[in-house]
Amino acid sequence: MNIVDYFEKTQIVKSIPPFFSGDTVIVKVKVIEGTKIREQAFEGFVIAKRNRGFNSSFIVRKISNGVGVERTFQTHSPIITDILIKRCGSVRRAKLYYLRNKIGKNIKIKEKLKMKEK
């Protein structure tokens, strides 16, 4: 086994909930301001997910004061403390870059219906 592969496997131990494009997520991030460390939440919908093992990343987009804000997160980054799934969206594309051009209510994503258990 390669040394780099071994190092990557030791870093991936953090459990991450399964989420997909179109899901609304809350990403809690550690923010260091001087000597203080606090936690900041970034809530939005996932427009892209890139699965590359240790180098996996995802892009979250939200609308803040009428302006679209996107942030790219490394999935296994130590600054991410938690990822919460708020709602599951039903989309037919893996990359939702076309939503960058939409405004207002056109950005709505249908919610995925859950199957009833018998």
PDB file of N, CA and C in Angstrom:
ATOM      1  N   MET A   1       0.839  -1.182   0.000  1.00  0.00           N
ATOM      2  CA  MET A   1       0.000   0.000   0.000  1.00  0.00           C
ATOM      3  C   MET A   1       0.883   1.245   0.000  1.00  0.00           C
ATOM      4  N   ASN A   2       0.498   2.205  -0.779  1.00  0.00           N
ATOM      5  CA  ASN A   2       1.220   3.458  -0.892  1.00  0.00           C
ATOM      6  C   ASN A   2       1.049   4.286   0.389  1.00  0.00           C
ATOM      7  N   ILE A   3       2.048   5.079   0.740  1.00  0.00           N
ATOM      8  CA  ILE A   3       1.986   5.907   1.946  1.00  0.00           C
ATOM      9  C   ILE A   3       0.876   6.945   1.829  1.00  0.00           C
ATOM     10  N   VAL A   4       0.702   7.510   0.645  1.00  0.00           N
ATOM     11  CA  VAL A   4      -0.342   8.519   0.433  1.00  0.00           C
ATOM     12  C   VAL A   4      -1.725   7.898   0.606  1.00  0.00           C
ATOM     13  N   ASP A   5      -1.931   6.694   0.068  1.00  0.00           N
ATOM     14  CA  ASP A   5      -3.212   6.007   0.222  1.00  0.00           C
ATOM     15  C   ASP A   5      -3.507   5.708   1.690  1.00  0.00           C
ATOM     16  N   TYR A   6      -2.496   5.289   2.423  1.00  0.00           N
ATOM     17  CA  TYR A   6      -2.672   5.001   3.840  1.00  0.00           C
ATOM     18  C   TYR A   6      -3.059   6.264   4.603  1.00  0.00           C
ATOM     19  N   PHE A   7      -2.395   7.378   4.303  1.00  0.00           N
ATOM     20  CA  PHE A   7      -2.700   8.644   4.966  1.00  0.00           C
ATOM     21  C   PHE A   7      -4.131   9.082   4.665  1.00  0.00           C
ATOM     22  N   GLU A   8      -4.566   8.932   3.415  1.00  0.00           N
ATOM     23  CA  GLU A   8      -5.922   9.324   3.036  1.00  0.00           C
ATOM     24  C   GLU A   8      -6.964   8.480   3.760  1.00  0.00           C
ATOM     25  N   LYS A   9      -6.722   7.186   3.894  1.00  0.00           N
ATOM     26  CA  LYS A   9      -7.680   6.319   4.580  1.00  0.00           C
ATOM     27  C   LYS A   9      -7.796   6.668   6.057  1.00  0.00           C
ATOM     28  N   THR A  10      -6.712   7.114   6.687  1.00  0.00           N
ATOM     29  CA  THR A  10      -6.793   7.492   8.095  1.00  0.00           C
ATOM     30  C   THR A  10      -7.551   8.801   8.279  1.00  0.00           C
ATOM     31  N   GLN A  11      -7.570   9.659   7.273  1.00  0.00           N
ATOM     32  CA  GLN A  11      -8.256  10.946   7.372  1.00  0.00           C
ATOM     33  C   GLN A  11      -9.750  10.845   7.080  1.00  0.00           C
ATOM     34  N   ILE A  12     -10.209   9.793   6.430  1.00  0.00           N
ATOM     35  CA  ILE A  12     -11.598   9.668   5.998  1.00  0.00           C
ATOM     36  C   ILE A  12     -12.497   9.086   7.091  1.00  0.00           C
ATOM     37  N   VAL A  13     -12.017   8.903   8.290  1.00  0.00           N
ATOM     38  CA  VAL A  13     -12.792   8.230   9.324  1.00  0.00           C
ATOM     39  C   VAL A  13     -14.071   8.977   9.712  1.00  0.00           C
ATOM     40  N   LYS A  14     -14.169  10.288   9.441  1.00  0.00           N
ATOM     41  CA  LYS A  14     -15.349  11.063   9.819  1.00  0.00           C
ATOM     42  C   LYS A  14     -16.573  10.568   9.048  1.00  0.00           C
ATOM     43  N   SER A  15     -17.666  10.311   9.762  1.00  0.00           N
ATOM     44  CA  SER A  15     -18.877   9.829   9.093  1.00  0.00           C
ATOM     45  C   SER A  15     -19.673  11.018   8.554  1.00  0.00           C
ATOM     46  N   ILE A  16     -20.068  10.917   7.307  1.00  0.00           N
ATOM     47  CA  ILE A  16     -20.801  11.973   6.627  1.00  0.00           C
ATOM     48  C   ILE A  16     -22.120  11.385   6.150  1.00  0.00           C
ATOM     49  N   PRO A  17     -23.243  12.060   6.418  1.00  0.00           N
ATOM     50  CA  PRO A  17     -24.527  11.511   5.970  1.00  0.00           C
ATOM     51  C   PRO A  17     -24.619  11.528   4.451  1.00  0.00           C
ATOM     52  N   PRO A  18     -25.300  10.565   3.862  1.00  0.00           N
ATOM     53  CA  PRO A  18     -25.422  10.555   2.400  1.00  0.00           C
ATOM     54  C   PRO A  18     -26.374  11.652   1.932  1.00  0.00           C
ATOM     55  N   PHE A  19     -25.877  12.539   1.078  1.00  0.00           N
ATOM     56  CA  PHE A  19     -26.705  13.592   0.507  1.00  0.00           C
ATOM     57  C   PHE A  19     -26.399  13.691  -0.977  1.00  0.00           C
ATOM     58  N   PHE A  20     -27.313  14.310  -1.724  1.00  0.00           N
ATOM     59  CA  PHE A  20     -27.210  14.361  -3.174  1.00  0.00           C
ATOM     60  C   PHE A  20     -27.509  15.772  -3.669  1.00  0.00           C
ATOM     61  N   SER A  21     -27.353  15.987  -4.959  1.00  0.00           N
ATOM     62  CA  SER A  21     -27.690  17.271  -5.555  1.00  0.00           C
ATOM     63  C   SER A  21     -29.177  17.533  -5.374  1.00  0.00           C
ATOM     64  N   GLY A  22     -29.512  18.766  -5.031  1.00  0.00           N
ATOM     65  CA  GLY A  22     -30.899  19.146  -4.809  1.00  0.00           C
ATOM     66  C   GLY A  22     -31.309  19.107  -3.355  1.00  0.00           C
ATOM     67  N   ASP A  23     -30.521  18.478  -2.500  1.00  0.00           N
ATOM     68  CA  ASP A  23     -30.847  18.421  -1.077  1.00  0.00           C
ATOM     69  C   ASP A  23     -30.530  19.757  -0.413  1.00  0.00           C
ATOM     70  N   THR A  24     -31.375  20.153   0.534  1.00  0.00           N
ATOM     71  CA  THR A  24     -31.106  21.342   1.336  1.00  0.00           C
ATOM     72  C   THR A  24     -30.340  20.885   2.567  1.00  0.00           C
ATOM     73  N   VAL A  25     -29.151  21.464   2.763  1.00  0.00           N
ATOM     74  CA  VAL A  25     -28.282  21.039   3.854  1.00  0.00           C
ATOM     75  C   VAL A  25     -27.874  22.235   4.706  1.00  0.00           C
ATOM     76  N   ILE A  26     -27.492  21.943   5.939  1.00  0.00           N
ATOM     77  CA  ILE A  26     -26.903  22.930   6.835  1.00  0.00           C
ATOM     78  C   ILE A  26     -25.498  22.434   7.143  1.00  0.00           C
ATOM     79  N   VAL A  27     -24.503  23.201   6.721  1.00  0.00           N
ATOM     80  CA  VAL A  27     -23.105  22.839   6.946  1.00  0.00           C
ATOM     81  C   VAL A  27     -22.588  23.699   8.090  1.00  0.00           C
ATOM     82  N   LYS A  28     -22.154  23.064   9.168  1.00  0.00           N
ATOM     83  CA  LYS A  28     -21.608  23.793  10.309  1.00  0.00           C
ATOM     84  C   LYS A  28     -20.088  23.822  10.175  1.00  0.00           C
ATOM     85  N   VAL A  29     -19.540  25.045  10.200  1.00  0.00           N
ATOM     86  CA  VAL A  29     -18.126  25.263   9.920  1.00  0.00           C
ATOM     87  C   VAL A  29     -17.477  25.961  11.108  1.00  0.00           C
ATOM     88  N   LYS A  30     -16.253  25.536  11.464  1.00  0.00           N
ATOM     89  CA  LYS A  30     -15.480  26.218  12.494  1.00  0.00           C
ATOM     90  C   LYS A  30     -14.879  27.482  11.902  1.00  0.00           C
ATOM     91  N   VAL A  31     -15.088  28.622  12.577  1.00  0.00           N
ATOM     92  CA  VAL A  31     -14.529  29.894  12.134  1.00  0.00           C
ATOM     93  C   VAL A  31     -13.601  30.391  13.231  1.00  0.00           C
ATOM     94  N   ILE A  32     -12.363  30.727  12.858  1.00  0.00           N
ATOM     95  CA  ILE A  32     -11.381  31.216  13.820  1.00  0.00           C
ATOM     96  C   ILE A  32     -11.229  32.716  13.615  1.00  0.00           C
ATOM     97  N   GLU A  33     -11.570  33.493  14.658  1.00  0.00           N
ATOM     98  CA  GLU A  33     -11.441  34.944  14.617  1.00  0.00           C
ATOM     99  C   GLU A  33     -10.517  35.361  15.748  1.00  0.00           C
ATOM    100  N   GLY A  34      -9.279  35.628  15.417  1.00  0.00           N
ATOM    101  CA  GLY A  34      -8.304  35.972  16.446  1.00  0.00           C
ATOM    102  C   GLY A  34      -8.035  34.777  17.336  1.00  0.00           C
ATOM    103  N   THR A  35      -8.405  34.904  18.611  1.00  0.00           N
ATOM    104  CA  THR A  35      -8.211  33.798  19.545  1.00  0.00           C
ATOM    105  C   THR A  35      -9.492  33.001  19.768  1.00  0.00           C
ATOM    106  N   LYS A  36     -10.613  33.501  19.232  1.00  0.00           N
ATOM    107  CA  LYS A  36     -11.894  32.831  19.430  1.00  0.00           C
ATOM    108  C   LYS A  36     -12.174  31.832  18.315  1.00  0.00           C
ATOM    109  N   ILE A  37     -12.777  30.727  18.699  1.00  0.00           N
ATOM    110  CA  ILE A  37     -13.233  29.729  17.730  1.00  0.00           C
ATOM    111  C   ILE A  37     -14.742  29.599  17.913  1.00  0.00           C
ATOM    112  N   ARG A  38     -15.484  29.820  16.833  1.00  0.00           N
ATOM    113  CA  ARG A  38     -16.937  29.693  16.909  1.00  0.00           C
ATOM    114  C   ARG A  38     -17.431  28.852  15.745  1.00  0.00           C
ATOM    115  N   GLU A  39     -18.696  28.489  15.810  1.00  0.00           N
ATOM    116  CA  GLU A  39     -19.290  27.646  14.782  1.00  0.00           C
ATOM    117  C   GLU A  39     -20.292  28.474  13.980  1.00  0.00           C
ATOM    118  N   GLN A  40     -20.198  28.388  12.661  1.00  0.00           N
ATOM    119  CA  GLN A  40     -21.077  29.142  11.780  1.00  0.00           C
ATOM    120  C   GLN A  40     -21.833  28.165  10.886  1.00  0.00           C
ATOM    121  N   ALA A  41     -23.121  28.405  10.696  1.00  0.00           N
ATOM    122  CA  ALA A  41     -23.947  27.526   9.871  1.00  0.00           C
ATOM    123  C   ALA A  41     -24.152  28.156   8.500  1.00  0.00           C
ATOM    124  N   PHE A  42     -23.998  27.361   7.457  1.00  0.00           N
ATOM    125  CA  PHE A  42     -24.230  27.799   6.081  1.00  0.00           C
ATOM    126  C   PHE A  42     -25.319  26.898   5.524  1.00  0.00           C
ATOM    127  N   GLU A  43     -26.501  27.470   5.302  1.00  0.00           N
ATOM    128  CA  GLU A  43     -27.650  26.685   4.843  1.00  0.00           C
ATOM    129  C   GLU A  43     -27.962  27.019   3.394  1.00  0.00           C
ATOM    130  N   GLY A  44     -28.134  25.988   2.593  1.00  0.00           N
ATOM    131  CA  GLY A  44     -28.473  26.168   1.187  1.00  0.00           C
ATOM    132  C   GLY A  44     -28.691  24.817   0.537  1.00  0.00           C
ATOM    133  N   PHE A  45     -28.845  24.829  -0.789  1.00  0.00           N
ATOM    134  CA  PHE A  45     -29.052  23.563  -1.482  1.00  0.00           C
ATOM    135  C   PHE A  45     -27.801  23.176  -2.253  1.00  0.00           C
ATOM    136  N   VAL A  46     -27.565  21.887  -2.335  1.00  0.00           N
ATOM    137  CA  VAL A  46     -26.377  21.344  -2.997  1.00  0.00           C
ATOM    138  C   VAL A  46     -26.607  21.417  -4.504  1.00  0.00           C
ATOM    139  N   ILE A  47     -25.713  22.135  -5.223  1.00  0.00           N
ATOM    140  CA  ILE A  47     -25.864  22.206  -6.676  1.00  0.00           C
ATOM    141  C   ILE A  47     -24.891  21.279  -7.387  1.00  0.00           C
ATOM    142  N   ALA A  48     -23.854  20.820  -6.697  1.00  0.00           N
ATOM    143  CA  ALA A  48     -22.910  19.892  -7.320  1.00  0.00           C
ATOM    144  C   ALA A  48     -22.203  19.094  -6.234  1.00  0.00           C
ATOM    145  N   LYS A  49     -21.865  17.865  -6.575  1.00  0.00           N
ATOM    146  CA  LYS A  49     -21.113  17.006  -5.670  1.00  0.00           C
ATOM    147  C   LYS A  49     -20.044  16.299  -6.489  1.00  0.00           C
ATOM    148  N   ARG A  50     -18.833  16.283  -5.979  1.00  0.00           N
ATOM    149  CA  ARG A  50     -17.697  15.691  -6.688  1.00  0.00           C
ATOM    150  C   ARG A  50     -17.113  14.598  -5.803  1.00  0.00           C
ATOM    151  N   ASN A  51     -17.232  13.356  -6.215  1.00  0.00           N
ATOM    152  CA  ASN A  51     -16.754  12.214  -5.437  1.00  0.00           C
ATOM    153  C   ASN A  51     -15.390  11.777  -5.947  1.00  0.00           C
ATOM    154  N   ARG A  52     -14.350  12.072  -5.166  1.00  0.00           N
ATOM    155  CA  ARG A  52     -12.985  11.705  -5.531  1.00  0.00           C
ATOM    156  C   ARG A  52     -12.226  11.176  -4.315  1.00  0.00           C
ATOM    157  N   GLY A  53     -12.884  10.361  -3.501  1.00  0.00           N
ATOM    158  CA  GLY A  53     -12.219   9.810  -2.325  1.00  0.00           C
ATOM    159  C   GLY A  53     -11.919  10.895  -1.308  1.00  0.00           C
ATOM    160  N   PHE A  54     -10.653  11.054  -0.982  1.00  0.00           N
ATOM    161  CA  PHE A  54     -10.248  12.056  -0.003  1.00  0.00           C
ATOM    162  C   PHE A  54     -10.435  13.470  -0.544  1.00  0.00           C
ATOM    163  N   ASN A  55     -10.383  13.648  -1.850  1.00  0.00           N
ATOM    164  CA  ASN A  55     -10.513  14.968  -2.469  1.00  0.00           C
ATOM    165  C   ASN A  55     -11.952  15.301  -2.860  1.00  0.00           C
ATOM    166  N   SER A  56     -12.930  14.657  -2.261  1.00  0.00           N
ATOM    167  CA  SER A  56     -14.333  14.926  -2.570  1.00  0.00           C
ATOM    168  C   SER A  56     -14.717  16.323  -2.112  1.00  0.00           C
ATOM    169  N   SER A  57     -15.636  16.927  -2.865  1.00  0.00           N
ATOM    170  CA  SER A  57     -16.116  18.257  -2.504  1.00  0.00           C
ATOM    171  C   SER A  57     -17.559  18.417  -2.951  1.00  0.00           C
ATOM    172  N   PHE A  58     -18.199  19.464  -2.457  1.00  0.00           N
ATOM    173  CA  PHE A  58     -19.562  19.777  -2.869  1.00  0.00           C
ATOM    174  C   PHE A  58     -19.761  21.286  -2.804  1.00  0.00           C
ATOM    175  N   ILE A  59     -20.703  21.780  -3.613  1.00  0.00           N
ATOM    176  CA  ILE A  59     -20.985  23.210  -3.691  1.00  0.00           C
ATOM    177  C   ILE A  59     -22.387  23.447  -3.148  1.00  0.00           C
ATOM    178  N   VAL A  60     -22.494  24.392  -2.212  1.00  0.00           N
ATOM    179  CA  VAL A  60     -23.775  24.759  -1.618  1.00  0.00           C
ATOM    180  C   VAL A  60     -24.096  26.189  -2.031  1.00  0.00           C
ATOM    181  N   ARG A  61     -25.339  26.424  -2.467  1.00  0.00           N
ATOM    182  CA  ARG A  61     -25.773  27.747  -2.905  1.00  0.00           C
ATOM    183  C   ARG A  61     -26.938  28.209  -2.043  1.00  0.00           C
ATOM    184  N   LYS A  62     -26.899  29.482  -1.668  1.00  0.00           N
ATOM    185  CA  LYS A  62     -28.011  30.082  -0.944  1.00  0.00           C
ATOM    186  C   LYS A  62     -28.223  31.498  -1.457  1.00  0.00           C
ATOM    187  N   ILE A  63     -29.390  32.055  -1.174  1.00  0.00           N
ATOM    188  CA  ILE A  63     -29.703  33.424  -1.544  1.00  0.00           C
ATOM    189  C   ILE A  63     -29.664  34.251  -0.265  1.00  0.00           C
ATOM    190  N   SER A  64     -28.774  35.249  -0.219  1.00  0.00           N
ATOM    191  CA  SER A  64     -28.627  36.104   0.948  1.00  0.00           C
ATOM    192  C   SER A  64     -28.859  37.552   0.529  1.00  0.00           C
ATOM    193  N   ASN A  65     -29.927  38.154   1.040  1.00  0.00           N
ATOM    194  CA  ASN A  65     -30.307  39.534   0.704  1.00  0.00           C
ATOM    195  C   ASN A  65     -30.456  39.735  -0.794  1.00  0.00           C
ATOM    196  N   GLY A  66     -31.029  38.761  -1.474  1.00  0.00           N
ATOM    197  CA  GLY A  66     -31.262  38.872  -2.907  1.00  0.00           C
ATOM    198  C   GLY A  66     -30.054  38.581  -3.770  1.00  0.00           C
ATOM    199  N   VAL A  67     -28.952  38.199  -3.164  1.00  0.00           N
ATOM    200  CA  VAL A  67     -27.719  37.903  -3.896  1.00  0.00           C
ATOM    201  C   VAL A  67     -27.391  36.426  -3.705  1.00  0.00           C
ATOM    202  N   GLY A  68     -27.091  35.736  -4.796  1.00  0.00           N
ATOM    203  CA  GLY A  68     -26.724  34.331  -4.714  1.00  0.00           C
ATOM    204  C   GLY A  68     -25.312  34.164  -4.186  1.00  0.00           C
ATOM    205  N   VAL A  69     -25.156  33.291  -3.200  1.00  0.00           N
ATOM    206  CA  VAL A  69     -23.848  33.025  -2.599  1.00  0.00           C
ATOM    207  C   VAL A  69     -23.572  31.535  -2.723  1.00  0.00           C
ATOM    208  N   GLU A  70     -22.416  31.189  -3.280  1.00  0.00           N
ATOM    209  CA  GLU A  70     -22.006  29.791  -3.395  1.00  0.00           C
ATOM    210  C   GLU A  70     -20.739  29.574  -2.594  1.00  0.00           C
ATOM    211  N   ARG A  71     -20.668  28.414  -1.983  1.00  0.00           N
ATOM    212  CA  ARG A  71     -19.465  28.076  -1.231  1.00  0.00           C
ATOM    213  C   ARG A  71     -19.107  26.628  -1.508  1.00  0.00           C
ATOM    214  N   THR A  72     -17.847  26.396  -1.798  1.00  0.00           N
ATOM    215  CA  THR A  72     -17.346  25.054  -2.052  1.00  0.00           C
ATOM    216  C   THR A  72     -16.716  24.515  -0.772  1.00  0.00           C
ATOM    217  N   PHE A  73     -17.118  23.319  -0.391  1.00  0.00           N
ATOM    218  CA  PHE A  73     -16.596  22.673   0.808  1.00  0.00           C
ATOM    219  C   PHE A  73     -15.874  21.397   0.415  1.00  0.00           C
ATOM    220  N   GLN A  74     -14.739  21.136   1.046  1.00  0.00           N
ATOM    221  CA  GLN A  74     -14.080  19.844   0.934  1.00  0.00           C
ATOM    222  C   GLN A  74     -14.800  18.906   1.905  1.00  0.00           C
ATOM    223  N   THR A  75     -15.225  17.767   1.428  1.00  0.00           N
ATOM    224  CA  THR A  75     -16.058  16.871   2.224  1.00  0.00           C
ATOM    225  C   THR A  75     -15.364  16.414   3.505  1.00  0.00           C
ATOM    226  N   HIS A  76     -14.091  16.116   3.443  1.00  0.00           N
ATOM    227  CA  HIS A  76     -13.366  15.591   4.601  1.00  0.00           C
ATOM    228  C   HIS A  76     -12.505  16.653   5.274  1.00  0.00           C
ATOM    229  N   SER A  77     -12.893  17.916   5.149  1.00  0.00           N
ATOM    230  CA  SER A  77     -12.134  19.010   5.740  1.00  0.00           C
ATOM    231  C   SER A  77     -12.307  19.031   7.260  1.00  0.00           C
ATOM    232  N   PRO A  78     -11.241  19.339   8.001  1.00  0.00           N
ATOM    233  CA  PRO A  78     -11.369  19.406   9.462  1.00  0.00           C
ATOM    234  C   PRO A  78     -12.163  20.620   9.944  1.00  0.00           C
ATOM    235  N   ILE A  79     -12.397  21.625   9.086  1.00  0.00           N
ATOM    236  CA  ILE A  79     -13.175  22.785   9.533  1.00  0.00           C
ATOM    237  C   ILE A  79     -14.676  22.511   9.526  1.00  0.00           C
ATOM    238  N   ILE A  80     -15.116  21.461   8.828  1.00  0.00           N
ATOM    239  CA  ILE A  80     -16.535  21.094   8.843  1.00  0.00           C
ATOM    240  C   ILE A  80     -16.790  20.253  10.088  1.00  0.00           C
ATOM    241  N   THR A  81     -17.666  20.764  10.965  1.00  0.00           N
ATOM    242  CA  THR A  81     -17.976  20.019  12.182  1.00  0.00           C
ATOM    243  C   THR A  81     -19.174  19.103  11.998  1.00  0.00           C
ATOM    244  N   ASP A  82     -20.140  19.528  11.161  1.00  0.00           N
ATOM    245  CA  ASP A  82     -21.340  18.714  10.997  1.00  0.00           C
ATOM    246  C   ASP A  82     -22.045  19.078   9.699  1.00  0.00           C
ATOM    247  N   ILE A  83     -22.720  18.104   9.109  1.00  0.00           N
ATOM    248  CA  ILE A  83     -23.558  18.322   7.932  1.00  0.00           C
ATOM    249  C   ILE A  83     -24.933  17.756   8.264  1.00  0.00           C
ATOM    250  N   LEU A  84     -25.942  18.621   8.254  1.00  0.00           N
ATOM    251  CA  LEU A  84     -27.310  18.209   8.552  1.00  0.00           C
ATOM    252  C   LEU A  84     -28.144  18.306   7.286  1.00  0.00           C
ATOM    253  N   ILE A  85     -28.953  17.291   7.027  1.00  0.00           N
ATOM    254  CA  ILE A  85     -29.828  17.305   5.858  1.00  0.00           C
ATOM    255  C   ILE A  85     -31.192  17.809   6.308  1.00  0.00           C
ATOM    256  N   LYS A  86     -31.597  18.959   5.762  1.00  0.00           N
ATOM    257  CA  LYS A  86     -32.870  19.566   6.145  1.00  0.00           C
ATOM    258  C   LYS A  86     -34.026  18.977   5.345  1.00  0.00           C
ATOM    259  N   ARG A  87     -33.853  18.865   4.032  1.00  0.00           N
ATOM    260  CA  ARG A  87     -34.873  18.220   3.200  1.00  0.00           C
ATOM    261  C   ARG A  87     -34.220  17.634   1.962  1.00  0.00           C
ATOM    262  N   CYS A  88     -34.817  16.580   1.449  1.00  0.00           N
ATOM    263  CA  CYS A  88     -34.292  15.902   0.267  1.00  0.00           C
ATOM    264  C   CYS A  88     -35.031  16.411  -0.961  1.00  0.00           C
ATOM    265  N   GLY A  89     -34.273  16.844  -1.952  1.00  0.00           N
ATOM    266  CA  GLY A  89     -34.864  17.362  -3.172  1.00  0.00           C
ATOM    267  C   GLY A  89     -34.885  16.319  -4.272  1.00  0.00           C
ATOM    268  N   SER A  90     -35.872  16.433  -5.146  1.00  0.00           N
ATOM    269  CA  SER A  90     -36.003  15.518  -6.270  1.00  0.00           C
ATOM    270  C   SER A  90     -35.626  16.260  -7.550  1.00  0.00           C
ATOM    271  N   VAL A  91     -34.471  15.929  -8.111  1.00  0.00           N
ATOM    272  CA  VAL A  91     -33.994  16.558  -9.343  1.00  0.00           C
ATOM    273  C   VAL A  91     -33.562  15.473 -10.318  1.00  0.00           C
ATOM    274  N   ARG A  92     -33.444  15.842 -11.586  1.00  0.00           N
ATOM    275  CA  ARG A  92     -33.069  14.874 -12.615  1.00  0.00           C
ATOM    276  C   ARG A  92     -31.669  15.104 -13.155  1.00  0.00           C
ATOM    277  N   ARG A  93     -30.912  15.960 -12.525  1.00  0.00           N
ATOM    278  CA  ARG A  93     -29.563  16.272 -12.977  1.00  0.00           C
ATOM    279  C   ARG A  93     -28.585  16.100 -11.820  1.00  0.00           C
ATOM    280  N   ALA A  94     -27.338  15.810 -12.149  1.00  0.00           N
ATOM    281  CA  ALA A  94     -26.306  15.687 -11.128  1.00  0.00           C
ATOM    282  C   ALA A  94     -25.726  17.053 -10.781  1.00  0.00           C
ATOM    283  N   LYS A  95     -25.610  17.919 -11.767  1.00  0.00           N
ATOM    284  CA  LYS A  95     -25.078  19.269 -11.566  1.00  0.00           C
ATOM    285  C   LYS A  95     -26.193  20.266 -11.853  1.00  0.00           C
ATOM    286  N   LEU A  96     -26.508  21.101 -10.888  1.00  0.00           N
ATOM    287  CA  LEU A  96     -27.621  22.039 -11.014  1.00  0.00           C
ATOM    288  C   LEU A  96     -27.127  23.454 -11.299  1.00  0.00           C
ATOM    289  N   TYR A  97     -26.158  23.575 -12.200  1.00  0.00           N
ATOM    290  CA  TYR A  97     -25.593  24.883 -12.509  1.00  0.00           C
ATOM    291  C   TYR A  97     -26.606  25.804 -13.176  1.00  0.00           C
ATOM    292  N   TYR A  98     -27.636  25.253 -13.802  1.00  0.00           N
ATOM    293  CA  TYR A  98     -28.636  26.073 -14.473  1.00  0.00           C
ATOM    294  C   TYR A  98     -29.439  26.916 -13.478  1.00  0.00           C
ATOM    295  N   LEU A  99     -29.419  26.573 -12.191  1.00  0.00           N
ATOM    296  CA  LEU A  99     -30.148  27.346 -11.189  1.00  0.00           C
ATOM    297  C   LEU A  99     -29.466  28.673 -10.873  1.00  0.00           C
ATOM    298  N   ARG A 100     -28.234  28.861 -11.338  1.00  0.00           N
ATOM    299  CA  ARG A 100     -27.545  30.131 -11.125  1.00  0.00           C
ATOM    300  C   ARG A 100     -28.253  31.270 -11.849  1.00  0.00           C
ATOM    301  N   ASN A 101     -28.897  30.966 -12.968  1.00  0.00           N
ATOM    302  CA  ASN A 101     -29.560  31.997 -13.764  1.00  0.00           C
ATOM    303  C   ASN A 101     -31.002  32.232 -13.344  1.00  0.00           C
ATOM    304  N   LYS A 102     -31.545  31.419 -12.463  1.00  0.00           N
ATOM    305  CA  LYS A 102     -32.937  31.548 -12.034  1.00  0.00           C
ATOM    306  C   LYS A 102     -33.054  32.566 -10.898  1.00  0.00           C
ATOM    307  N   ILE A 103     -34.227  33.210 -10.820  1.00  0.00           N
ATOM    308  CA  ILE A 103     -34.456  34.239  -9.805  1.00  0.00           C
ATOM    309  C   ILE A 103     -35.775  33.951  -9.094  1.00  0.00           C
ATOM    310  N   GLY A 104     -35.813  34.192  -7.789  1.00  0.00           N
ATOM    311  CA  GLY A 104     -37.052  34.115  -7.023  1.00  0.00           C
ATOM    312  C   GLY A 104     -37.613  32.714  -6.887  1.00  0.00           C
ATOM    313  N   LYS A 105     -38.906  32.574  -7.218  1.00  0.00           N
ATOM    314  CA  LYS A 105     -39.593  31.303  -7.022  1.00  0.00           C
ATOM    315  C   LYS A 105     -39.227  30.261  -8.067  1.00  0.00           C
ATOM    316  N   ASN A 106     -38.498  30.645  -9.094  1.00  0.00           N
ATOM    317  CA  ASN A 106     -38.071  29.680 -10.109  1.00  0.00           C
ATOM    318  C   ASN A 106     -37.015  28.715  -9.581  1.00  0.00           C
ATOM    319  N   ILE A 107     -36.450  29.014  -8.424  1.00  0.00           N
ATOM    320  CA  ILE A 107     -35.388  28.176  -7.856  1.00  0.00           C
ATOM    321  C   ILE A 107     -35.967  27.007  -7.056  1.00  0.00           C
ATOM    322  N   LYS A 108     -37.268  26.961  -6.874  1.00  0.00           N
ATOM    323  CA  LYS A 108     -37.887  25.904  -6.072  1.00  0.00           C
ATOM    324  C   LYS A 108     -37.516  24.517  -6.595  1.00  0.00           C
ATOM    325  N   ILE A 109     -37.186  23.638  -5.663  1.00  0.00           N
ATOM    326  CA  ILE A 109     -36.865  22.245  -5.979  1.00  0.00           C
ATOM    327  C   ILE A 109     -37.926  21.375  -5.315  1.00  0.00           C
ATOM    328  N   LYS A 110     -38.494  20.446  -6.076  1.00  0.00           N
ATOM    329  CA  LYS A 110     -39.511  19.554  -5.522  1.00  0.00           C
ATOM    330  C   LYS A 110     -38.907  18.699  -4.416  1.00  0.00           C
ATOM    331  N   GLU A 111     -39.728  18.395  -3.414  1.00  0.00           N
ATOM    332  CA  GLU A 111     -39.259  17.547  -2.325  1.00  0.00           C
ATOM    333  C   GLU A 111     -39.484  16.087  -2.681  1.00  0.00           C
ATOM    334  N   LYS A 112     -38.496  15.270  -2.357  1.00  0.00           N
ATOM    335  CA  LYS A 112     -38.583  13.837  -2.626  1.00  0.00           C
ATOM    336  C   LYS A 112     -39.560  13.202  -1.646  1.00  0.00           C
ATOM    337  N   LEU A 113     -40.523  12.469  -2.180  1.00  0.00           N
ATOM    338  CA  LEU A 113     -41.500  11.802  -1.330  1.00  0.00           C
ATOM    339  C   LEU A 113     -40.905  10.515  -0.782  1.00  0.00           C
ATOM    340  N   LYS A 114     -41.134  10.274   0.491  1.00  0.00           N
ATOM    341  CA  LYS A 114     -40.610   9.063   1.115  1.00  0.00           C
ATOM    342  C   LYS A 114     -41.643   7.956   1.004  1.00  0.00           C
ATOM    343  N   MET A 115     -41.164   6.747   0.828  1.00  0.00           N
ATOM    344  CA  MET A 115     -42.045   5.585   0.693  1.00  0.00           C
ATOM    345  C   MET A 115     -42.664   5.248   2.047  1.00  0.00           C
ATOM    346  N   LYS A 116     -43.940   4.895   2.033  1.00  0.00           N
ATOM    347  CA  LYS A 116     -44.605   4.471   3.261  1.00  0.00           C
ATOM    348  C   LYS A 116     -44.193   3.047   3.587  1.00  0.00           C
ATOM    349  N   GLU A 117     -43.937   2.813   4.864  1.00  0.00           N
ATOM    350  CA  GLU A 117     -43.582   1.461   5.293  1.00  0.00           C
ATOM    351  C   GLU A 117     -44.838   0.723   5.721  1.00  0.00           C
ATOM    352  N   LYS A 118     -44.927  -0.552   5.346  1.00  0.00           N
ATOM    353  CA  LYS A 118     -46.110  -1.349   5.685  1.00  0.00           C
ATOM    354  C   LYS A 118     -45.939  -2.029   7.004  1.00  0.00           C
TER     355      LYS A 118
END
